[in-house]
């Protein structure tokens, strides 16, 4: 696996972007935002996962875990390097990016246990807020959990996304994953190889990005991500036949001989907790089951470049449980009530969107100076 440019802005020295130590420090930081949210929603919002719809509260601060708006001078250290951008261009992904401290990982991992446990029960007040729910993977945690509501505002994540997308960053949806210890699902915690954009064809154009973050140390034994390097250049693959056996490598049925050969050279992304990887929407990837006696939990943030529109009319079946936006209208700026589901995370100077004031970006000078993936695109 690649660990190009591994960076650790959140270590014991607690650089910018790290939480105030201890639960009381987090609560002190979070209380003003929770009171603001309570007033906005007309109900108490003092505890995570209590059924309040946090999509109606934009901007970070509910968890107290993160500093989403460090001084402008501190942003530069979060930027991806030239080598990392070249690696993404060549292989379709880049890994080894430090995004969270161990303390932040532990807090979010505990919330995964709650979210994929009690908060998934049918009679739990949060259950209607999920986009999709299964005890191994669920989407919509940002609407329910303080920690996952705030996660999308991480400076390191937002700036790297800006560089890779080449412009303003808008949230699409999140996911949380859990591969249980000793895989109590009888070896079924694997995820077959797939391309993320196959689920997003209800949007256009393709200007999407996925960030995967390890909340536990990740190895081949507990089901690390596996990428097929270069598969982001294959275009959108045909769907796997409905009658194909559900296996990790079922996608082989639609690959050409050359692609099958490349499929045999997957790269495993084994990382310590707190590190993340970014991958292209056409990157073919999957993961095996957890065979260890410890859980393997992870968070995923999916984003788009500002200006991506709804293509619902062309692919209505693909909308699924994603919040509806009218055909041809830009996500987050359509005038529909669901615009709040697609907040702007980092804006370029002059963009019409508005970023939450608690999450101000680094400023026009740095955004103009950092290298971007477009600088390295090759045919």
Protein backbone atom coordinates (compact mmCIF):
# COMPACT_ATOMS: atom_id res chain seq x y z
CA UNK A 1 0.00 0.00 0.00
CA UNK A 2 1.04 3.59 -0.52
CA UNK A 3 1.86 5.89 2.36
CA UNK A 4 3.01 8.79 0.20
CA UNK A 5 3.42 11.99 2.17
CA UNK A 6 2.13 10.61 5.47
CA UNK A 7 1.44 13.57 7.70
CA UNK A 8 0.50 13.75 11.38
CA UNK A 9 -0.90 17.18 12.28
CA UNK A 10 -2.77 15.70 15.25
CA UNK A 11 -0.27 14.09 17.57
CA UNK A 12 0.48 14.32 21.25
CA UNK A 13 1.68 17.87 20.72
CA UNK A 14 -1.88 18.70 19.62
CA UNK A 15 -1.35 20.91 16.64
CA UNK A 16 -4.10 22.91 14.96
CA UNK A 17 -7.24 20.97 14.24
CA UNK A 18 -7.09 18.78 17.35
CA UNK A 19 -9.61 18.68 20.18
CA UNK A 20 -9.28 20.18 23.60
CA UNK A 21 -8.16 17.26 25.82
CA UNK A 22 -10.74 15.51 27.94
CA UNK A 23 -14.55 15.21 27.85
CA UNK A 24 -15.14 18.39 29.83
CA UNK A 25 -13.05 20.38 27.35
CA UNK A 26 -15.11 19.00 24.45
CA UNK A 27 -18.37 19.79 26.25
CA UNK A 28 -17.26 23.34 26.98
CA UNK A 29 -16.42 23.89 23.32
CA UNK A 30 -19.66 22.31 22.12
CA UNK A 31 -22.21 23.86 24.48
CA UNK A 32 -22.77 27.14 22.55
CA UNK A 33 -23.43 25.26 19.28
CA UNK A 34 -25.76 22.80 21.02
CA UNK A 35 -27.74 25.66 22.54
CA UNK A 36 -27.91 27.33 19.11
CA UNK A 37 -29.14 24.07 17.61
CA UNK A 38 -31.75 23.68 20.35
CA UNK A 39 -33.17 27.10 19.54
CA UNK A 40 -33.14 26.41 15.78
CA UNK A 41 -34.91 23.06 16.13
CA UNK A 42 -37.25 24.06 18.93
CA UNK A 43 -36.20 21.12 21.09
CA UNK A 44 -33.25 20.24 23.34
CA UNK A 45 -30.19 19.13 21.38
CA UNK A 46 -27.80 18.42 24.22
CA UNK A 47 -27.12 14.71 23.64
CA UNK A 48 -25.88 12.94 20.52
CA UNK A 49 -28.15 10.37 18.84
CA UNK A 50 -31.36 11.58 20.53
CA UNK A 51 -33.39 11.74 17.31
CA UNK A 52 -32.89 15.42 16.44
CA UNK A 53 -32.31 15.98 12.70
CA UNK A 54 -28.87 17.59 12.65
CA UNK A 55 -29.06 18.26 8.89
CA UNK A 56 -30.97 21.40 9.92
CA UNK A 57 -27.86 22.65 11.75
CA UNK A 58 -25.03 23.62 9.41
CA UNK A 59 -21.48 24.16 10.52
CA UNK A 60 -19.31 22.33 13.05
CA UNK A 61 -19.18 22.55 16.83
CA UNK A 62 -21.76 20.09 18.17
CA UNK A 63 -19.18 17.51 19.27
CA UNK A 64 -16.37 19.76 20.49
CA UNK A 65 -13.93 17.26 18.96
CA UNK A 66 -12.54 19.38 16.14
CA UNK A 67 -11.19 22.82 15.40
CA UNK A 68 -12.78 23.42 12.02
CA UNK A 69 -11.41 26.90 11.44
CA UNK A 70 -7.73 27.19 12.40
CA UNK A 71 -5.84 30.41 11.63
CA UNK A 72 -5.15 30.95 7.93
CA UNK A 73 -1.43 30.42 8.47
CA UNK A 74 -2.06 26.87 9.75
CA UNK A 75 -3.93 25.62 6.68
CA UNK A 76 -0.92 25.14 4.43
CA UNK A 77 0.30 22.10 6.39
CA UNK A 78 -2.93 20.27 5.46
CA UNK A 79 -2.30 20.54 1.71
CA UNK A 80 -1.56 17.46 -0.37
CA UNK A 81 1.91 17.45 -1.90
CA UNK A 82 2.82 17.31 -5.57
CA UNK A 83 3.85 13.66 -5.16
CA UNK A 84 0.50 12.78 -3.60
CA UNK A 85 -1.41 14.43 -6.44
CA UNK A 86 0.72 12.63 -9.05
CA UNK A 87 0.06 9.34 -7.24
CA UNK A 88 -3.71 9.96 -7.32
CA UNK A 89 -3.54 10.81 -11.02
CA UNK A 90 -1.59 7.66 -11.84
CA UNK A 91 -3.31 5.10 -9.63
CA UNK A 92 -6.69 6.66 -8.80
CA UNK A 93 -6.14 6.95 -5.07
CA UNK A 94 -3.79 8.31 -2.44
CA UNK A 95 -3.49 6.98 1.10
CA UNK A 96 -1.58 7.60 4.31
CA UNK A 97 -3.17 11.00 4.99
CA UNK A 98 -3.39 11.78 8.70
CA UNK A 99 -6.85 13.21 9.38
CA UNK A 100 -7.71 12.34 13.00
CA UNK A 101 -5.95 11.97 16.32
CA UNK A 102 -6.23 8.73 18.29
CA UNK A 103 -8.56 10.48 20.72
CA UNK A 104 -10.86 11.61 17.93
CA UNK A 105 -10.88 8.07 16.46
CA UNK A 106 -11.83 6.56 19.82
CA UNK A 107 -14.72 9.01 20.23
CA UNK A 108 -16.04 8.33 16.72
CA UNK A 109 -15.58 4.56 17.03
CA UNK A 110 -17.70 4.63 20.19
CA UNK A 111 -20.39 6.51 18.24
CA UNK A 112 -20.25 3.85 15.49
CA UNK A 113 -21.03 1.23 18.13
CA UNK A 114 -24.04 3.27 19.28
CA UNK A 115 -25.23 4.13 15.79
CA UNK A 116 -25.02 0.59 14.43
CA UNK A 117 -26.48 -0.75 17.67
CA UNK A 118 -29.17 1.06 19.62
CA UNK A 119 -29.73 3.87 17.09
CA UNK A 120 -30.53 1.31 14.42
CA UNK A 121 -33.37 -0.30 16.31
CA UNK A 122 -36.75 0.20 14.66
CA UNK A 123 -38.23 2.01 17.67
CA UNK A 124 -35.26 4.36 18.15
CA UNK A 125 -36.17 8.03 17.42
CA UNK A 126 -33.15 8.35 15.11
CA UNK A 127 -34.10 5.44 12.85
CA UNK A 128 -36.13 7.53 10.33
CA UNK A 129 -33.12 9.81 9.76
CA UNK A 130 -30.91 7.19 8.12
CA UNK A 131 -30.56 7.23 4.33
CA UNK A 132 -29.88 3.50 4.49
CA UNK A 133 -29.19 1.21 7.43
CA UNK A 134 -27.56 -2.18 8.01
CA UNK A 135 -25.55 -3.29 11.09
CA UNK A 136 -22.42 -3.46 8.91
CA UNK A 137 -22.84 -0.23 6.93
CA UNK A 138 -25.14 2.76 7.17
CA UNK A 139 -25.50 6.17 5.55
CA UNK A 140 -26.79 9.32 7.20
CA UNK A 141 -24.89 9.33 10.51
CA UNK A 142 -24.25 13.07 10.10
CA UNK A 143 -27.97 13.69 10.70
CA UNK A 144 -27.89 11.80 14.00
CA UNK A 145 -24.47 11.95 15.67
CA UNK A 146 -22.62 15.04 16.90
CA UNK A 147 -19.23 13.56 15.96
CA UNK A 148 -20.17 12.55 12.42
CA UNK A 149 -22.06 15.80 11.88
CA UNK A 150 -18.80 17.64 12.57
CA UNK A 151 -16.44 15.25 10.76
CA UNK A 152 -17.09 16.74 7.31
CA UNK A 153 -15.68 20.08 8.47
CA UNK A 154 -12.14 18.81 9.14
CA UNK A 155 -9.68 21.30 7.57
CA UNK A 156 -7.34 18.57 6.29
CA UNK A 157 -10.23 16.77 4.59
CA UNK A 158 -11.72 19.93 3.08
CA UNK A 159 -8.45 21.28 1.68
CA UNK A 160 -7.39 17.93 0.17
CA UNK A 161 -10.85 17.59 -1.38
CA UNK A 162 -10.53 21.09 -2.86
CA UNK A 163 -7.20 20.14 -4.43
CA UNK A 164 -8.49 16.86 -5.86
CA UNK A 165 -11.81 18.22 -7.14
CA UNK A 166 -10.27 21.42 -8.45
CA UNK A 167 -12.86 23.74 -6.96
CA UNK A 168 -15.43 24.34 -4.25
CA UNK A 169 -16.42 21.28 -2.22
CA UNK A 170 -20.02 20.26 -1.52
CA UNK A 171 -21.08 17.39 0.73
CA UNK A 172 -22.91 14.46 -0.91
CA UNK A 173 -23.36 11.85 1.83
CA UNK A 174 -21.52 9.92 4.53
CA UNK A 175 -21.19 6.26 5.50
CA UNK A 176 -20.02 4.34 8.54
CA UNK A 177 -18.69 0.78 8.37
CA UNK A 178 -18.24 -1.90 10.99
CA UNK A 179 -16.56 -5.26 10.49
CA UNK A 180 -17.26 -6.94 13.85
CA UNK A 181 -14.67 -8.83 15.86
CA UNK A 182 -14.46 -12.47 14.75
CA UNK A 183 -17.06 -11.46 12.14
CA UNK A 184 -20.19 -12.61 13.91
CA UNK A 185 -21.93 -12.38 10.54
CA UNK A 186 -20.36 -15.71 9.55
CA UNK A 187 -17.69 -14.22 7.32
CA UNK A 188 -20.11 -11.87 5.56
CA UNK A 189 -18.49 -8.52 6.41
CA UNK A 190 -16.75 -8.39 3.03
CA UNK A 191 -17.70 -5.80 0.43
CA UNK A 192 -17.50 -6.82 -3.21
CA UNK A 193 -15.41 -4.82 -5.65
CA UNK A 194 -17.37 -1.92 -7.11
CA UNK A 195 -17.14 1.65 -8.42
CA UNK A 196 -18.77 4.30 -6.24
CA UNK A 197 -20.13 6.26 -9.20
CA UNK A 198 -22.35 3.32 -10.10
CA UNK A 199 -24.54 4.51 -7.18
CA UNK A 200 -24.36 8.20 -8.13
CA UNK A 201 -25.50 8.25 -11.76
CA UNK A 202 -28.50 10.28 -10.58
CA UNK A 203 -26.05 13.22 -10.53
CA UNK A 204 -24.06 14.87 -13.35
CA UNK A 205 -21.40 15.59 -14.35
CA UNK A 206 -19.03 13.15 -12.66
CA UNK A 207 -17.01 15.37 -10.32
CA UNK A 208 -17.04 13.23 -7.18
CA UNK A 209 -14.55 12.11 -4.54
CA UNK A 210 -14.50 9.64 -1.66
CA UNK A 211 -12.49 9.92 1.55
CA UNK A 212 -12.20 6.76 3.67
CA UNK A 213 -10.95 7.16 7.27
CA UNK A 214 -9.78 4.34 9.55
CA UNK A 215 -11.13 4.51 13.11
CA UNK A 216 -9.16 1.38 14.10
CA UNK A 217 -5.79 0.10 12.92
CA UNK A 218 -6.46 -1.60 9.59
CA UNK A 219 -4.67 -4.64 8.18
CA UNK A 220 -5.22 -7.37 5.62
CA UNK A 221 -6.42 -9.61 8.46
CA UNK A 222 -9.28 -7.32 9.49
CA UNK A 223 -10.42 -6.36 6.02
CA UNK A 224 -8.46 -3.38 4.75
CA UNK A 225 -9.44 -1.58 1.57
CA UNK A 226 -8.11 -3.04 -1.67
CA UNK A 227 -7.72 -0.91 -4.79
CA UNK A 228 -7.18 -1.93 -8.40
CA UNK A 229 -4.61 0.70 -9.44
CA UNK A 230 -5.42 2.45 -12.70
CA UNK A 231 -9.01 1.18 -12.82
CA UNK A 232 -10.25 4.77 -12.60
CA UNK A 233 -9.41 5.00 -16.31
CA UNK A 234 -11.73 2.14 -17.33
CA UNK A 235 -14.92 4.18 -17.49
CA UNK A 236 -18.13 3.12 -15.79
CA UNK A 237 -18.32 -0.66 -15.92
CA UNK A 238 -21.50 -2.54 -16.90
CA UNK A 239 -23.56 -3.79 -13.95
CA UNK A 240 -22.77 -7.26 -12.64
CA UNK A 241 -25.48 -9.68 -13.87
CA UNK A 242 -28.29 -10.08 -11.35
CA UNK A 243 -27.89 -13.86 -11.35
CA UNK A 244 -24.16 -13.75 -10.57
CA UNK A 245 -23.06 -15.36 -7.32
CA UNK A 246 -22.50 -12.77 -4.56
CA UNK A 247 -18.74 -12.94 -4.13
CA UNK A 248 -15.92 -10.51 -3.46
CA UNK A 249 -14.77 -10.70 -7.08
CA UNK A 250 -18.15 -10.99 -8.85
CA UNK A 251 -17.20 -7.95 -10.95
CA UNK A 252 -14.85 -10.23 -12.92
CA UNK A 253 -17.90 -11.22 -14.95
CA UNK A 254 -17.94 -7.82 -16.70
CA UNK A 255 -14.19 -7.22 -17.05
CA UNK A 256 -12.16 -7.58 -20.23
CA UNK A 257 -9.19 -10.00 -20.23
CA UNK A 258 -6.80 -7.07 -19.76
CA UNK A 259 -8.87 -5.73 -16.87
CA UNK A 260 -9.00 -9.16 -15.23
CA UNK A 261 -5.22 -9.27 -15.38
CA UNK A 262 -5.03 -5.88 -13.63
CA UNK A 263 -7.61 -7.07 -11.10
CA UNK A 264 -5.09 -9.67 -9.97
CA UNK A 265 -2.71 -6.91 -8.88
CA UNK A 266 -4.77 -5.17 -6.19
CA UNK A 267 -3.05 -2.94 -3.66
CA UNK A 268 -3.98 -3.25 0.02
CA UNK A 269 -4.25 -0.09 2.11
CA UNK A 270 -3.04 -1.04 5.58
CA UNK A 271 -3.02 2.06 7.82
CA UNK A 272 -3.10 3.08 11.44
CA UNK A 273 -6.27 4.55 12.86
CA UNK A 274 -6.69 8.22 12.07
CA UNK A 275 -5.25 7.87 8.57
CA UNK A 276 -7.36 8.14 5.46
CA UNK A 277 -7.34 7.55 1.74
CA UNK A 278 -8.99 9.46 -1.09
CA UNK A 279 -10.14 7.71 -4.25
CA UNK A 280 -11.63 8.48 -7.65
CA UNK A 281 -15.36 7.74 -8.24
CA UNK A 282 -14.46 5.09 -10.86
CA UNK A 283 -11.80 3.38 -8.71
CA UNK A 284 -12.57 -0.34 -8.42
CA UNK A 285 -12.27 -1.31 -4.76
CA UNK A 286 -13.51 -3.76 -2.15
CA UNK A 287 -12.55 -5.39 1.14
CA UNK A 288 -12.45 -8.84 2.72
CA UNK A 289 -14.02 -9.95 6.01
CA UNK A 290 -12.54 -9.33 9.45
CA UNK A 291 -10.82 -12.47 10.75
CA UNK A 292 -9.42 -10.93 13.96
CA UNK A 293 -10.75 -10.61 17.51
CA UNK A 294 -11.07 -6.82 17.29
CA UNK A 295 -13.60 -4.69 15.38
CA UNK A 296 -12.62 -2.76 12.28
CA UNK A 297 -14.58 0.50 12.04
CA UNK A 298 -14.31 3.25 9.44
CA UNK A 299 -15.98 6.45 8.28
CA UNK A 300 -16.50 7.63 4.71
CA UNK A 301 -17.17 11.13 3.40
CA UNK A 302 -18.37 11.54 -0.19
CA UNK A 303 -18.21 14.97 -1.80
CA UNK A 304 -18.75 16.66 -5.16
CA UNK A 305 -17.43 19.76 -6.85
CA UNK A 306 -19.77 22.74 -6.64
CA UNK A 307 -22.08 22.80 -9.66
CA UNK A 308 -22.91 19.07 -9.84
CA UNK A 309 -26.61 18.77 -10.61
CA UNK A 310 -29.40 16.29 -10.15
CA UNK A 311 -29.78 13.81 -13.02
CA UNK A 312 -32.76 12.18 -11.35
CA UNK A 313 -34.87 12.25 -14.49
CA UNK A 314 -32.37 10.09 -16.38
CA UNK A 315 -31.70 7.56 -13.61
CA UNK A 316 -34.60 7.67 -11.14
CA UNK A 317 -33.91 4.17 -9.80
CA UNK A 318 -30.42 5.27 -8.71
CA UNK A 319 -31.73 8.05 -6.44
CA UNK A 320 -32.68 5.40 -3.90
CA UNK A 321 -32.84 6.94 -0.46
CA UNK A 322 -30.70 9.98 -1.32
CA UNK A 323 -32.48 13.29 -0.67
CA UNK A 324 -34.31 14.35 -3.84
CA UNK A 325 -33.26 17.41 -5.84
CA UNK A 326 -35.22 18.42 -9.00
CA UNK A 327 -33.81 17.35 -12.36
CA UNK A 328 -31.06 19.63 -13.69
CA UNK A 329 -30.80 21.71 -10.52
CA UNK A 330 -27.49 22.09 -8.64
CA UNK A 331 -27.15 20.20 -5.38
CA UNK A 332 -27.53 22.59 -2.46
CA UNK A 333 -28.76 25.50 -4.63
CA UNK A 334 -31.98 24.21 -6.21
CA UNK A 335 -34.47 26.08 -4.04
CA UNK A 336 -35.80 22.74 -2.77
CA UNK A 337 -36.11 22.06 0.96
CA UNK A 338 -33.55 19.27 0.59
CA UNK A 339 -30.79 21.74 -0.29
CA UNK A 340 -29.78 21.63 3.38
CA UNK A 341 -28.70 18.01 2.84
CA UNK A 342 -25.86 19.16 0.58
CA UNK A 343 -23.92 21.83 2.52
CA UNK A 344 -21.01 23.70 0.97
CA UNK A 345 -17.83 22.74 2.84
CA UNK A 346 -15.20 24.93 1.20
CA UNK A 347 -15.83 27.65 -1.35
CA UNK A 348 -13.69 29.35 -3.94
CA UNK A 349 -13.64 33.14 -3.90
CA UNK A 350 -16.68 34.41 -5.79
CA UNK A 351 -18.70 31.18 -5.60
CA UNK A 352 -22.43 31.76 -4.96
CA UNK A 353 -22.61 29.23 -2.12
CA UNK A 354 -22.24 30.15 1.54
CA UNK A 355 -20.01 28.18 3.91
CA UNK A 356 -21.02 28.06 7.58
CA UNK A 357 -19.28 30.97 9.35
CA UNK A 358 -17.81 28.64 12.01
CA UNK A 359 -15.89 26.87 9.23
CA UNK A 360 -14.16 29.66 7.39
CA UNK A 361 -11.59 28.47 4.87
CA UNK A 362 -7.95 29.42 4.46
CA UNK A 363 -8.50 32.42 2.21
CA UNK A 364 -8.13 33.13 -1.49
CA UNK A 365 -4.35 33.41 -1.49
CA UNK A 366 -3.74 29.86 -0.27
CA UNK A 367 -6.56 28.35 -2.35
CA UNK A 368 -4.99 29.91 -5.41
CA UNK A 369 -1.48 28.75 -4.51
CA UNK A 370 -1.97 25.09 -3.55
CA UNK A 371 -1.34 22.53 -6.29
CA UNK A 372 -4.42 20.81 -7.72
CA UNK A 373 -5.01 17.46 -9.38
CA UNK A 374 -5.85 19.23 -12.64
CA UNK A 375 -2.21 20.28 -12.82
CA UNK A 376 -1.20 16.61 -13.25
CA UNK A 377 -4.03 15.12 -15.27
CA UNK A 378 -2.84 12.87 -18.03
CA UNK A 379 -4.65 11.12 -20.82
